[in-house]
Amino acid sequence: MATRRKLLKYNEVNTKGETSLHLAAKNKNHYGKVYLENLLTKGIDVNARNKWGQTPLHYAAIAGCLQNIETLTRFFGIDVNSRDINRYNALQSLIAANDGESNNSDDNLPERNNYLQDLISSDNADKFEMPLRMKRTFSIDLRKSLQTLVNAGIDVNNQTTFGDGILHLISTREENTPLLKFFISNFPDTNLNLINKKSENFLHVYVTNELLEEIIELFECLAEYDHSSLRALLSSKDILGRTPWNLMIGGSGYCTSSENLKTILSYGVSPEVNDTIGNTVLHQICGVSHGYAYGDVLEYLLEIGADINAQNMYGETCLSLTLSEHIFKIFCKFNADCKIYDR
């Protein structure tokens, strides 16, 4: 009877639904590890869930506590694939928490918005170069934590309520490029083609959260790893009909050059892409205020046969959206039809 009372005591919860094991799991010091191990010998529920469906393993992952992740995953009866109310498992919680992982600083770099402003005001936009970001990495503890969870049998292809897989979540982190390379190369069961509720694959997310040079570098690595998957990823459309490489033109915090575009198209990607309202890449270039920075891209697309007179669902041609005299001159050079009317 006394033993049962003690067990009930250990499994008591606070107002958040947390047991003492939840609280111990996020304690990173040595005492936390000892206390955690002691609780596990008392018969406490290792899979207890708080009000948000999180288990002690979720807590250890969110805290980025390798020692407690290792201890919990070794315990008999643990459900490593338990998911919280938003369907995050511990692996996704570890990545989404971001836990101050990177010690690298971008303080020595201009903000992306400032970069575009400098690009627009530059006398020679085609030769303007953005300084390289300091080489980024991630800690040994994070590497070991990922390996521990995967070795314990966690589902690397779990999707959250929002449809995000682990690669979507990694793509938002500061050290996304090295972490994506590590994860994809070390865990081959990972499905590269998962799409979220916005119909985005992980590259849709990645290209809007990274610098151009590292994006091209990752593409090269993916091409070596699985060329056909890279082609499919770059050709996949989100809910608005945009592909990852479409997102690299006009709307990102960097300026994609014609050489970058040639590299992308060399993977077998079609340059003829229309979004849900019929806009082509040419429409994208012409419809932004800094479109003239993409003059070389525009010329290259027209040289390889892009339809200079293409119309979207409103009957608008690329020329009708042009905001730049430089872009207008390029259209005139390629004999655009100036007499087409929209709806």
C-alpha atoms as a PDB file:
ATOM      1  CA  MET A   1       0.000   0.000   0.000  1.00  0.00           C
ATOM      2  CA  ALA A   2       2.857   2.332   0.920  1.00  0.00           C
ATOM      3  CA  THR A   3       4.547   1.551  -2.399  1.00  0.00           C
ATOM      4  CA  ARG A   4       1.378   2.471  -4.295  1.00  0.00           C
ATOM      5  CA  ARG A   5       1.118   5.778  -2.425  1.00  0.00           C
ATOM      6  CA  LYS A   6       4.731   6.592  -3.320  1.00  0.00           C
ATOM      7  CA  LEU A   7       4.060   5.774  -6.980  1.00  0.00           C
ATOM      8  CA  LEU A   8       1.033   8.063  -7.003  1.00  0.00           C
ATOM      9  CA  LYS A   9       3.164  10.786  -5.418  1.00  0.00           C
ATOM     10  CA  TYR A  10       5.839  10.531  -8.106  1.00  0.00           C
ATOM     11  CA  ASN A  11       3.170  10.720 -10.825  1.00  0.00           C
ATOM     12  CA  GLU A  12       1.434  13.781  -9.368  1.00  0.00           C
ATOM     13  CA  VAL A  13       1.105  16.668 -11.798  1.00  0.00           C
ATOM     14  CA  ASN A  14       1.169  20.447 -11.487  1.00  0.00           C
ATOM     15  CA  THR A  15      -1.237  22.866 -13.170  1.00  0.00           C
ATOM     16  CA  LYS A  16       0.546  22.348 -16.516  1.00  0.00           C
ATOM     17  CA  GLY A  17       0.170  18.603 -16.272  1.00  0.00           C
ATOM     18  CA  GLU A  18       3.890  18.151 -15.629  1.00  0.00           C
ATOM     19  CA  THR A  19       5.221  15.311 -13.510  1.00  0.00           C
ATOM     20  CA  SER A  20       8.497  15.475 -11.618  1.00  0.00           C
ATOM     21  CA  LEU A  21      10.030  13.549 -14.527  1.00  0.00           C
ATOM     22  CA  HIS A  22       9.105  16.346 -16.947  1.00  0.00           C
ATOM     23  CA  LEU A  23      10.866  18.877 -14.743  1.00  0.00           C
ATOM     24  CA  ALA A  24      13.927  16.679 -14.283  1.00  0.00           C
ATOM     25  CA  ALA A  25      14.173  16.016 -18.025  1.00  0.00           C
ATOM     26  CA  LYS A  26      14.874  19.668 -18.854  1.00  0.00           C
ATOM     27  CA  ASN A  27      17.522  20.059 -16.136  1.00  0.00           C
ATOM     28  CA  LYS A  28      20.886  20.159 -17.919  1.00  0.00           C
ATOM     29  CA  ASN A  29      23.231  19.900 -14.945  1.00  0.00           C
ATOM     30  CA  HIS A  30      24.653  16.680 -13.498  1.00  0.00           C
ATOM     31  CA  TYR A  31      22.188  16.719 -10.606  1.00  0.00           C
ATOM     32  CA  GLY A  32      19.349  16.708 -13.136  1.00  0.00           C
ATOM     33  CA  LYS A  33      20.690  13.516 -14.707  1.00  0.00           C
ATOM     34  CA  VAL A  34      21.055  11.799 -11.322  1.00  0.00           C
ATOM     35  CA  TYR A  35      17.551  12.868 -10.264  1.00  0.00           C
ATOM     36  CA  LEU A  36      16.113  11.694 -13.598  1.00  0.00           C
ATOM     37  CA  GLU A  37      17.730   8.277 -13.231  1.00  0.00           C
ATOM     38  CA  ASN A  38      16.477   8.015  -9.656  1.00  0.00           C
ATOM     39  CA  LEU A  39      12.893   8.824 -10.677  1.00  0.00           C
ATOM     40  CA  LEU A  40      12.980   6.164 -13.382  1.00  0.00           C
ATOM     41  CA  THR A  41      13.754   3.534 -10.729  1.00  0.00           C
ATOM     42  CA  LYS A  42      10.613   4.532  -8.793  1.00  0.00           C
ATOM     43  CA  GLY A  43       8.147   3.358 -11.445  1.00  0.00           C
ATOM     44  CA  ILE A  44       7.206   6.840 -12.657  1.00  0.00           C
ATOM     45  CA  ASP A  45       5.379   7.001 -15.999  1.00  0.00           C
ATOM     46  CA  VAL A  46       8.074   7.678 -18.597  1.00  0.00           C
ATOM     47  CA  ASN A  47       5.405   8.473 -21.218  1.00  0.00           C
ATOM     48  CA  ALA A  48       3.364  10.886 -19.072  1.00  0.00           C
ATOM     49  CA  ARG A  49       1.933  13.767 -21.118  1.00  0.00           C
ATOM     50  CA  ASN A  50       1.397  17.345 -20.002  1.00  0.00           C
ATOM     51  CA  LYS A  51      -1.573  19.478 -21.071  1.00  0.00           C
ATOM     52  CA  TRP A  52      -0.002  19.954 -24.497  1.00  0.00           C
ATOM     53  CA  GLY A  53       0.714  16.274 -24.980  1.00  0.00           C
ATOM     54  CA  GLN A  54       4.437  16.607 -24.353  1.00  0.00           C
ATOM     55  CA  THR A  55       6.352  13.787 -22.670  1.00  0.00           C
ATOM     56  CA  PRO A  56       9.568  14.047 -20.629  1.00  0.00           C
ATOM     57  CA  LEU A  57      11.448  13.129 -23.823  1.00  0.00           C
ATOM     58  CA  HIS A  58       9.923  16.184 -25.526  1.00  0.00           C
ATOM     59  CA  TYR A  59      11.158  18.277 -22.587  1.00  0.00           C
ATOM     60  CA  ALA A  60      14.688  16.890 -22.825  1.00  0.00           C
ATOM     61  CA  ALA A  61      14.689  17.530 -26.583  1.00  0.00           C
ATOM     62  CA  ILE A  62      13.369  21.086 -26.267  1.00  0.00           C
ATOM     63  CA  ALA A  63      16.072  21.808 -23.677  1.00  0.00           C
ATOM     64  CA  GLY A  64      18.693  20.285 -25.978  1.00  0.00           C
ATOM     65  CA  CYS A  65      19.835  18.074 -23.109  1.00  0.00           C
ATOM     66  CA  LEU A  66      21.826  15.200 -24.606  1.00  0.00           C
ATOM     67  CA  GLN A  67      22.436  13.364 -21.322  1.00  0.00           C
ATOM     68  CA  ASN A  68      18.720  13.177 -20.550  1.00  0.00           C
ATOM     69  CA  ILE A  69      17.791  12.231 -24.117  1.00  0.00           C
ATOM     70  CA  GLU A  70      20.243   9.336 -23.866  1.00  0.00           C
ATOM     71  CA  THR A  71      18.919   8.261 -20.457  1.00  0.00           C
ATOM     72  CA  LEU A  72      15.256   8.377 -21.473  1.00  0.00           C
ATOM     73  CA  THR A  73      15.669   6.596 -24.815  1.00  0.00           C
ATOM     74  CA  ARG A  74      17.445   3.717 -23.065  1.00  0.00           C
ATOM     75  CA  PHE A  75      14.576   3.221 -20.625  1.00  0.00           C
ATOM     76  CA  PHE A  76      12.391   0.178 -21.242  1.00  0.00           C
ATOM     77  CA  GLY A  77       8.844   1.014 -22.296  1.00  0.00           C
ATOM     78  CA  ILE A  78       9.460   4.534 -23.582  1.00  0.00           C
ATOM     79  CA  ASP A  79       7.443   5.580 -26.624  1.00  0.00           C
ATOM     80  CA  VAL A  80       9.968   7.594 -28.631  1.00  0.00           C
ATOM     81  CA  ASN A  81       7.311   8.388 -31.242  1.00  0.00           C
ATOM     82  CA  SER A  82       4.868  10.046 -28.858  1.00  0.00           C
ATOM     83  CA  ARG A  83       3.542  13.283 -30.392  1.00  0.00           C
ATOM     84  CA  ASP A  84       2.236  16.440 -28.768  1.00  0.00           C
ATOM     85  CA  ILE A  85      -1.060  18.121 -29.654  1.00  0.00           C
ATOM     86  CA  ASN A  86       0.551  19.670 -32.748  1.00  0.00           C
ATOM     87  CA  ARG A  87       1.934  16.256 -33.715  1.00  0.00           C
ATOM     88  CA  TYR A  88       5.568  17.148 -33.032  1.00  0.00           C
ATOM     89  CA  ASN A  89       7.685  14.202 -31.966  1.00  0.00           C
ATOM     90  CA  ALA A  90      10.825  14.676 -29.871  1.00  0.00           C
ATOM     91  CA  LEU A  91      13.052  14.914 -32.955  1.00  0.00           C
ATOM     92  CA  GLN A  92      11.006  17.793 -34.348  1.00  0.00           C
ATOM     93  CA  SER A  93      10.834  19.440 -30.927  1.00  0.00           C
ATOM     94  CA  LEU A  94      14.634  19.308 -30.712  1.00  0.00           C
ATOM     95  CA  ILE A  95      14.988  21.087 -34.059  1.00  0.00           C
ATOM     96  CA  ALA A  96      12.101  23.540 -33.642  1.00  0.00           C
ATOM     97  CA  ALA A  97      13.365  24.689 -30.231  1.00  0.00           C
ATOM     98  CA  ASN A  98      16.534  26.050 -31.895  1.00  0.00           C
ATOM     99  CA  ASP A  99      17.958  26.378 -28.358  1.00  0.00           C
ATOM    100  CA  GLY A 100      20.544  29.053 -29.157  1.00  0.00           C
ATOM    101  CA  GLU A 101      22.483  26.419 -31.060  1.00  0.00           C
ATOM    102  CA  SER A 102      24.695  28.556 -33.246  1.00  0.00           C
ATOM    103  CA  ASN A 103      27.430  30.636 -31.676  1.00  0.00           C
ATOM    104  CA  ASN A 104      28.222  32.322 -34.961  1.00  0.00           C
ATOM    105  CA  SER A 105      27.211  35.924 -35.350  1.00  0.00           C
ATOM    106  CA  ASP A 106      25.974  37.769 -38.408  1.00  0.00           C
ATOM    107  CA  ASP A 107      26.632  41.147 -36.811  1.00  0.00           C
ATOM    108  CA  ASN A 108      29.397  41.776 -39.339  1.00  0.00           C
ATOM    109  CA  LEU A 109      26.974  41.436 -42.246  1.00  0.00           C
ATOM    110  CA  PRO A 110      24.413  43.893 -43.585  1.00  0.00           C
ATOM    111  CA  GLU A 111      20.749  43.102 -43.099  1.00  0.00           C
ATOM    112  CA  ARG A 112      19.168  41.513 -46.151  1.00  0.00           C
ATOM    113  CA  ASN A 113      16.864  44.476 -46.671  1.00  0.00           C
ATOM    114  CA  ASN A 114      19.869  46.812 -46.586  1.00  0.00           C
ATOM    115  CA  TYR A 115      21.599  44.571 -49.102  1.00  0.00           C
ATOM    116  CA  LEU A 116      18.743  44.962 -51.577  1.00  0.00           C
ATOM    117  CA  GLN A 117      18.694  48.713 -51.009  1.00  0.00           C
ATOM    118  CA  ASP A 118      22.442  48.875 -51.712  1.00  0.00           C
ATOM    119  CA  LEU A 119      21.912  46.694 -54.764  1.00  0.00           C
ATOM    120  CA  ILE A 120      19.240  49.021 -56.129  1.00  0.00           C
ATOM    121  CA  SER A 121      21.391  52.121 -55.574  1.00  0.00           C
ATOM    122  CA  SER A 122      24.560  50.527 -56.972  1.00  0.00           C
ATOM    123  CA  ASP A 123      25.915  51.869 -60.265  1.00  0.00           C
ATOM    124  CA  ASN A 124      26.562  48.334 -61.467  1.00  0.00           C
ATOM    125  CA  ALA A 125      23.989  45.969 -60.025  1.00  0.00           C
ATOM    126  CA  ASP A 126      25.327  42.981 -61.940  1.00  0.00           C
ATOM    127  CA  LYS A 127      28.705  43.200 -60.175  1.00  0.00           C
ATOM    128  CA  PHE A 128      27.463  43.989 -56.693  1.00  0.00           C
ATOM    129  CA  GLU A 129      28.493  41.206 -54.309  1.00  0.00           C
ATOM    130  CA  MET A 130      27.109  40.426 -50.901  1.00  0.00           C
ATOM    131  CA  PRO A 131      29.758  39.579 -48.266  1.00  0.00           C
ATOM    132  CA  LEU A 132      29.859  35.916 -47.371  1.00  0.00           C
ATOM    133  CA  ARG A 133      28.374  34.796 -44.087  1.00  0.00           C
ATOM    134  CA  MET A 134      30.795  33.323 -41.589  1.00  0.00           C
ATOM    135  CA  LYS A 135      30.995  29.543 -41.993  1.00  0.00           C
ATOM    136  CA  ARG A 136      28.353  28.038 -39.737  1.00  0.00           C
ATOM    137  CA  THR A 137      28.198  24.730 -37.967  1.00  0.00           C
ATOM    138  CA  PHE A 138      26.269  23.048 -35.189  1.00  0.00           C
ATOM    139  CA  SER A 139      27.327  21.473 -31.929  1.00  0.00           C
ATOM    140  CA  ILE A 140      28.477  17.938 -31.248  1.00  0.00           C
ATOM    141  CA  ASP A 141      25.667  17.658 -28.685  1.00  0.00           C
ATOM    142  CA  LEU A 142      23.040  18.383 -31.332  1.00  0.00           C
ATOM    143  CA  ARG A 143      24.634  15.875 -33.688  1.00  0.00           C
ATOM    144  CA  LYS A 144      24.660  13.213 -30.959  1.00  0.00           C
ATOM    145  CA  SER A 145      21.100  14.032 -29.896  1.00  0.00           C
ATOM    146  CA  LEU A 146      19.841  13.549 -33.450  1.00  0.00           C
ATOM    147  CA  GLN A 147      21.739  10.289 -33.765  1.00  0.00           C
ATOM    148  CA  THR A 148      20.443   9.043 -30.396  1.00  0.00           C
ATOM    149  CA  LEU A 149      16.805   9.698 -31.277  1.00  0.00           C
ATOM    150  CA  VAL A 150      17.097   8.102 -34.714  1.00  0.00           C
ATOM    151  CA  ASN A 151      18.916   5.070 -33.285  1.00  0.00           C
ATOM    152  CA  ALA A 152      16.089   4.729 -30.751  1.00  0.00           C
ATOM    153  CA  GLY A 153      13.637   4.321 -33.630  1.00  0.00           C
ATOM    154  CA  ILE A 154      12.031   7.746 -33.893  1.00  0.00           C
ATOM    155  CA  ASP A 155      10.104   8.418 -37.110  1.00  0.00           C
ATOM    156  CA  VAL A 156      12.236  10.706 -39.291  1.00  0.00           C
ATOM    157  CA  ASN A 157       9.267  11.234 -41.630  1.00  0.00           C
ATOM    158  CA  ASN A 158       6.694  12.330 -39.060  1.00  0.00           C
ATOM    159  CA  GLN A 159       4.697  15.399 -40.091  1.00  0.00           C
ATOM    160  CA  THR A 160       3.262  17.985 -37.737  1.00  0.00           C
ATOM    161  CA  THR A 161      -0.323  19.228 -37.792  1.00  0.00           C
ATOM    162  CA  PHE A 162       0.891  21.812 -40.305  1.00  0.00           C
ATOM    163  CA  GLY A 163       2.443  19.112 -42.479  1.00  0.00           C
ATOM    164  CA  ASP A 164       6.023  20.100 -41.713  1.00  0.00           C
ATOM    165  CA  GLY A 165       8.599  17.326 -41.774  1.00  0.00           C
ATOM    166  CA  ILE A 166      11.973  17.461 -40.073  1.00  0.00           C
ATOM    167  CA  LEU A 167      13.622  19.011 -43.160  1.00  0.00           C
ATOM    168  CA  HIS A 168      11.078  21.858 -43.229  1.00  0.00           C
ATOM    169  CA  LEU A 169      11.981  22.647 -39.615  1.00  0.00           C
ATOM    170  CA  ILE A 170      15.729  22.394 -40.170  1.00  0.00           C
ATOM    171  CA  SER A 171      15.378  24.800 -43.114  1.00  0.00           C
ATOM    172  CA  THR A 172      14.322  27.631 -40.784  1.00  0.00           C
ATOM    173  CA  ARG A 173      17.348  27.336 -38.499  1.00  0.00           C
ATOM    174  CA  GLU A 174      20.356  29.626 -38.688  1.00  0.00           C
ATOM    175  CA  GLU A 175      22.704  26.729 -39.404  1.00  0.00           C
ATOM    176  CA  ASN A 176      20.281  25.169 -41.887  1.00  0.00           C
ATOM    177  CA  THR A 177      22.756  24.310 -44.658  1.00  0.00           C
ATOM    178  CA  PRO A 178      25.265  22.199 -42.680  1.00  0.00           C
ATOM    179  CA  LEU A 179      22.441  20.626 -40.688  1.00  0.00           C
ATOM    180  CA  LEU A 180      20.502  19.649 -43.829  1.00  0.00           C
ATOM    181  CA  LYS A 181      23.647  18.125 -45.324  1.00  0.00           C
ATOM    182  CA  PHE A 182      24.277  16.137 -42.143  1.00  0.00           C
ATOM    183  CA  PHE A 183      20.723  14.903 -41.773  1.00  0.00           C
ATOM    184  CA  ILE A 184      20.179  13.892 -45.392  1.00  0.00           C
ATOM    185  CA  SER A 185      23.537  12.127 -45.730  1.00  0.00           C
ATOM    186  CA  ASN A 186      23.338  10.284 -42.386  1.00  0.00           C
ATOM    187  CA  PHE A 187      19.678   9.270 -42.292  1.00  0.00           C
ATOM    188  CA  PRO A 188      18.858   7.849 -45.746  1.00  0.00           C
ATOM    189  CA  ASP A 189      15.322   6.836 -44.725  1.00  0.00           C
ATOM    190  CA  THR A 190      14.368  10.521 -44.716  1.00  0.00           C
ATOM    191  CA  ASN A 191      11.736  11.332 -47.342  1.00  0.00           C
ATOM    192  CA  LEU A 192      12.952  14.413 -49.211  1.00  0.00           C
ATOM    193  CA  ASN A 193       9.599  14.944 -50.916  1.00  0.00           C
ATOM    194  CA  LEU A 194       7.270  15.563 -47.963  1.00  0.00           C
ATOM    195  CA  ILE A 195       5.011  18.576 -48.487  1.00  0.00           C
ATOM    196  CA  ASN A 196       3.269  20.647 -45.829  1.00  0.00           C
ATOM    197  CA  LYS A 197      -0.237  22.123 -45.754  1.00  0.00           C
ATOM    198  CA  LYS A 198       0.941  24.933 -48.047  1.00  0.00           C
ATOM    199  CA  SER A 199       2.157  22.320 -50.546  1.00  0.00           C
ATOM    200  CA  GLU A 200       5.730  23.378 -49.807  1.00  0.00           C
ATOM    201  CA  ASN A 201       8.605  20.934 -49.839  1.00  0.00           C
ATOM    202  CA  PHE A 202      11.589  21.769 -47.655  1.00  0.00           C
ATOM    203  CA  LEU A 203      13.355  23.701 -50.436  1.00  0.00           C
ATOM    204  CA  HIS A 204      10.466  26.201 -50.615  1.00  0.00           C
ATOM    205  CA  VAL A 205      11.209  27.011 -46.979  1.00  0.00           C
ATOM    206  CA  TYR A 206      14.979  26.788 -47.302  1.00  0.00           C
ATOM    207  CA  VAL A 207      15.494  29.225 -50.204  1.00  0.00           C
ATOM    208  CA  THR A 208      13.689  31.994 -48.298  1.00  0.00           C
ATOM    209  CA  ASN A 209      15.862  31.484 -45.196  1.00  0.00           C
ATOM    210  CA  GLU A 210      19.359  31.216 -46.632  1.00  0.00           C
ATOM    211  CA  LEU A 211      21.987  33.115 -48.599  1.00  0.00           C
ATOM    212  CA  LEU A 212      22.433  32.472 -52.305  1.00  0.00           C
ATOM    213  CA  GLU A 213      25.901  30.920 -52.270  1.00  0.00           C
ATOM    214  CA  GLU A 214      24.929  28.335 -49.687  1.00  0.00           C
ATOM    215  CA  ILE A 215      21.700  27.540 -51.546  1.00  0.00           C
ATOM    216  CA  ILE A 216      23.647  26.770 -54.720  1.00  0.00           C
ATOM    217  CA  GLU A 217      26.115  24.720 -52.663  1.00  0.00           C
ATOM    218  CA  LEU A 218      23.295  22.628 -51.171  1.00  0.00           C
ATOM    219  CA  PHE A 219      21.780  22.105 -54.627  1.00  0.00           C
ATOM    220  CA  GLU A 220      25.128  20.739 -55.814  1.00  0.00           C
ATOM    221  CA  CYS A 221      25.283  18.345 -52.853  1.00  0.00           C
ATOM    222  CA  LEU A 222      21.701  17.185 -53.448  1.00  0.00           C
ATOM    223  CA  ALA A 223      22.454  16.640 -57.140  1.00  0.00           C
ATOM    224  CA  GLU A 224      25.287  14.288 -56.196  1.00  0.00           C
ATOM    225  CA  TYR A 225      23.116  12.537 -53.609  1.00  0.00           C
ATOM    226  CA  ASP A 226      19.957  12.115 -55.709  1.00  0.00           C
ATOM    227  CA  HIS A 227      19.732  14.088 -58.952  1.00  0.00           C
ATOM    228  CA  SER A 228      16.183  13.010 -59.802  1.00  0.00           C
ATOM    229  CA  SER A 229      14.898  14.044 -56.364  1.00  0.00           C
ATOM    230  CA  LEU A 230      16.507  17.472 -56.707  1.00  0.00           C
ATOM    231  CA  ARG A 231      14.823  17.973 -60.092  1.00  0.00           C
ATOM    232  CA  ALA A 232      11.462  16.972 -58.610  1.00  0.00           C
ATOM    233  CA  LEU A 233      11.929  19.235 -55.585  1.00  0.00           C
ATOM    234  CA  LEU A 234      12.869  22.257 -57.703  1.00  0.00           C
ATOM    235  CA  SER A 235       9.885  21.643 -60.010  1.00  0.00           C
ATOM    236  CA  SER A 236       7.314  21.124 -57.243  1.00  0.00           C
ATOM    237  CA  LYS A 237       4.710  23.901 -56.840  1.00  0.00           C
ATOM    238  CA  ASP A 238       3.344  25.304 -53.606  1.00  0.00           C
ATOM    239  CA  ILE A 239      -0.294  26.274 -53.075  1.00  0.00           C
ATOM    240  CA  LEU A 240       0.290  29.491 -55.062  1.00  0.00           C
ATOM    241  CA  GLY A 241       1.923  27.664 -57.933  1.00  0.00           C
ATOM    242  CA  ARG A 242       5.475  28.753 -57.080  1.00  0.00           C
ATOM    243  CA  THR A 243       8.472  26.448 -57.296  1.00  0.00           C
ATOM    244  CA  PRO A 244      11.502  26.835 -54.986  1.00  0.00           C
ATOM    245  CA  TRP A 245      13.573  28.358 -57.762  1.00  0.00           C
ATOM    246  CA  ASN A 246      10.729  30.791 -58.592  1.00  0.00           C
ATOM    247  CA  LEU A 247      11.040  32.053 -55.025  1.00  0.00           C
ATOM    248  CA  MET A 248      14.707  32.816 -55.705  1.00  0.00           C
ATOM    249  CA  ILE A 249      13.731  35.401 -58.334  1.00  0.00           C
ATOM    250  CA  GLY A 250      12.654  38.851 -57.214  1.00  0.00           C
ATOM    251  CA  GLY A 251      11.308  38.212 -53.738  1.00  0.00           C
ATOM    252  CA  SER A 252      14.281  36.917 -51.751  1.00  0.00           C
ATOM    253  CA  GLY A 253      16.976  38.774 -49.857  1.00  0.00           C
ATOM    254  CA  TYR A 254      19.537  38.146 -52.582  1.00  0.00           C
ATOM    255  CA  CYS A 255      19.893  38.569 -56.335  1.00  0.00           C
ATOM    256  CA  THR A 256      20.013  35.390 -58.407  1.00  0.00           C
ATOM    257  CA  SER A 257      22.269  35.780 -61.456  1.00  0.00           C
ATOM    258  CA  SER A 258      21.957  34.246 -64.903  1.00  0.00           C
ATOM    259  CA  GLU A 259      24.837  31.903 -64.028  1.00  0.00           C
ATOM    260  CA  ASN A 260      22.932  30.718 -60.949  1.00  0.00           C
ATOM    261  CA  LEU A 261      19.859  30.177 -63.106  1.00  0.00           C
ATOM    262  CA  LYS A 262      21.877  28.194 -65.658  1.00  0.00           C
ATOM    263  CA  THR A 263      23.048  25.943 -62.820  1.00  0.00           C
ATOM    264  CA  ILE A 264      19.457  25.422 -61.632  1.00  0.00           C
ATOM    265  CA  LEU A 265      18.154  24.677 -65.125  1.00  0.00           C
ATOM    266  CA  SER A 266      21.030  22.226 -65.661  1.00  0.00           C
ATOM    267  CA  TYR A 267      19.305  19.929 -63.165  1.00  0.00           C
ATOM    268  CA  GLY A 268      16.526  19.382 -65.704  1.00  0.00           C
ATOM    269  CA  VAL A 269      14.161  22.043 -64.393  1.00  0.00           C
ATOM    270  CA  SER A 270      11.816  23.663 -66.902  1.00  0.00           C
ATOM    271  CA  PRO A 271      12.048  27.468 -67.201  1.00  0.00           C
ATOM    272  CA  GLU A 272       8.384  27.561 -68.270  1.00  0.00           C
ATOM    273  CA  VAL A 273       6.539  27.797 -64.968  1.00  0.00           C
ATOM    274  CA  ASN A 274       3.238  29.580 -64.319  1.00  0.00           C
ATOM    275  CA  ASP A 275       1.834  30.326 -60.889  1.00  0.00           C
ATOM    276  CA  THR A 276      -1.866  30.017 -60.038  1.00  0.00           C
ATOM    277  CA  ILE A 277      -2.743  33.313 -61.742  1.00  0.00           C
ATOM    278  CA  GLY A 278      -0.651  32.604 -64.804  1.00  0.00           C
ATOM    279  CA  ASN A 279       2.393  34.722 -64.021  1.00  0.00           C
ATOM    280  CA  THR A 280       5.639  33.497 -65.576  1.00  0.00           C
ATOM    281  CA  VAL A 281       9.156  34.117 -64.280  1.00  0.00           C
ATOM    282  CA  LEU A 282       9.270  37.104 -66.630  1.00  0.00           C
ATOM    283  CA  HIS A 283       6.212  38.569 -64.882  1.00  0.00           C
ATOM    284  CA  GLN A 284       7.993  38.068 -61.543  1.00  0.00           C
ATOM    285  CA  ILE A 285      11.064  39.970 -62.683  1.00  0.00           C
ATOM    286  CA  CYS A 286       9.085  42.855 -64.151  1.00  0.00           C
ATOM    287  CA  GLY A 287       6.713  43.182 -61.216  1.00  0.00           C
ATOM    288  CA  VAL A 288       9.270  44.110 -58.536  1.00  0.00           C
ATOM    289  CA  SER A 289      10.861  47.498 -57.946  1.00  0.00           C
ATOM    290  CA  HIS A 290      14.403  46.085 -58.110  1.00  0.00           C
ATOM    291  CA  GLY A 291      13.639  44.093 -61.264  1.00  0.00           C
ATOM    292  CA  TYR A 292      16.435  45.763 -63.219  1.00  0.00           C
ATOM    293  CA  ALA A 293      18.933  43.886 -61.056  1.00  0.00           C
ATOM    294  CA  TYR A 294      17.718  40.780 -62.916  1.00  0.00           C
ATOM    295  CA  GLY A 295      18.502  42.138 -66.368  1.00  0.00           C
ATOM    296  CA  ASP A 296      20.980  39.352 -67.131  1.00  0.00           C
ATOM    297  CA  VAL A 297      18.455  36.713 -66.009  1.00  0.00           C
ATOM    298  CA  LEU A 298      15.767  38.252 -68.213  1.00  0.00           C
ATOM    299  CA  GLU A 299      18.035  38.306 -71.253  1.00  0.00           C
ATOM    300  CA  TYR A 300      19.086  34.702 -70.683  1.00  0.00           C
ATOM    301  CA  LEU A 301      15.467  33.519 -70.403  1.00  0.00           C
ATOM    302  CA  LEU A 302      14.523  35.349 -73.595  1.00  0.00           C
ATOM    303  CA  GLU A 303      17.558  33.912 -75.390  1.00  0.00           C
ATOM    304  CA  ILE A 304      16.483  30.349 -74.561  1.00  0.00           C
ATOM    305  CA  GLY A 305      12.955  30.944 -75.811  1.00  0.00           C
ATOM    306  CA  ALA A 306      10.829  32.323 -72.968  1.00  0.00           C
ATOM    307  CA  ASP A 307       7.556  33.773 -74.283  1.00  0.00           C
ATOM    308  CA  ILE A 308       8.100  37.522 -74.263  1.00  0.00           C
ATOM    309  CA  ASN A 309       4.381  38.172 -74.860  1.00  0.00           C
ATOM    310  CA  ALA A 310       3.004  35.690 -72.300  1.00  0.00           C
ATOM    311  CA  GLN A 311      -0.175  36.861 -70.555  1.00  0.00           C
ATOM    312  CA  ASN A 312      -1.466  35.970 -67.111  1.00  0.00           C
ATOM    313  CA  MET A 313      -5.124  35.260 -66.316  1.00  0.00           C
ATOM    314  CA  TYR A 314      -5.838  39.005 -66.335  1.00  0.00           C
ATOM    315  CA  GLY A 315      -4.359  39.383 -69.792  1.00  0.00           C
ATOM    316  CA  GLU A 316      -1.328  41.264 -68.472  1.00  0.00           C
ATOM    317  CA  THR A 317       1.897  40.847 -70.410  1.00  0.00           C
ATOM    318  CA  CYS A 318       5.320  41.085 -68.819  1.00  0.00           C
ATOM    319  CA  LEU A 319       5.866  44.396 -70.563  1.00  0.00           C
ATOM    320  CA  SER A 320       2.730  45.898 -69.020  1.00  0.00           C
ATOM    321  CA  LEU A 321       4.147  45.224 -65.529  1.00  0.00           C
ATOM    322  CA  THR A 322       7.573  46.680 -66.245  1.00  0.00           C
ATOM    323  CA  LEU A 323       8.752  49.250 -63.699  1.00  0.00           C
ATOM    324  CA  SER A 324      12.298  49.724 -64.991  1.00  0.00           C
ATOM    325  CA  GLU A 325      13.606  51.559 -68.042  1.00  0.00           C
ATOM    326  CA  HIS A 326      16.468  49.050 -68.218  1.00  0.00           C
ATOM    327  CA  ILE A 327      14.012  46.147 -68.395  1.00  0.00           C
ATOM    328  CA  PHE A 328      11.889  48.016 -70.963  1.00  0.00           C
ATOM    329  CA  LYS A 329      14.932  48.400 -73.237  1.00  0.00           C
ATOM    330  CA  ILE A 330      15.604  44.663 -73.004  1.00  0.00           C
ATOM    331  CA  PHE A 331      12.019  43.949 -74.074  1.00  0.00           C
ATOM    332  CA  CYS A 332      12.381  46.334 -77.008  1.00  0.00           C
ATOM    333  CA  LYS A 333      15.630  44.593 -77.980  1.00  0.00           C
ATOM    334  CA  PHE A 334      13.737  41.298 -78.191  1.00  0.00           C
ATOM    335  CA  ASN A 335      10.792  42.870 -80.089  1.00  0.00           C
ATOM    336  CA  ALA A 336       8.061  42.617 -77.490  1.00  0.00           C
ATOM    337  CA  ASP A 337       4.550  43.346 -78.765  1.00  0.00           C
ATOM    338  CA  CYS A 338       3.568  46.707 -77.279  1.00  0.00           C
ATOM    339  CA  LYS A 339       0.007  46.563 -78.593  1.00  0.00           C
ATOM    340  CA  ILE A 340      -1.378  43.707 -76.496  1.00  0.00           C
ATOM    341  CA  TYR A 341      -4.254  44.775 -74.238  1.00  0.00           C
ATOM    342  CA  ASP A 342      -5.146  43.219 -70.911  1.00  0.00           C
ATOM    343  CA  ARG A 343      -8.705  42.314 -69.975  1.00  0.00           C
END
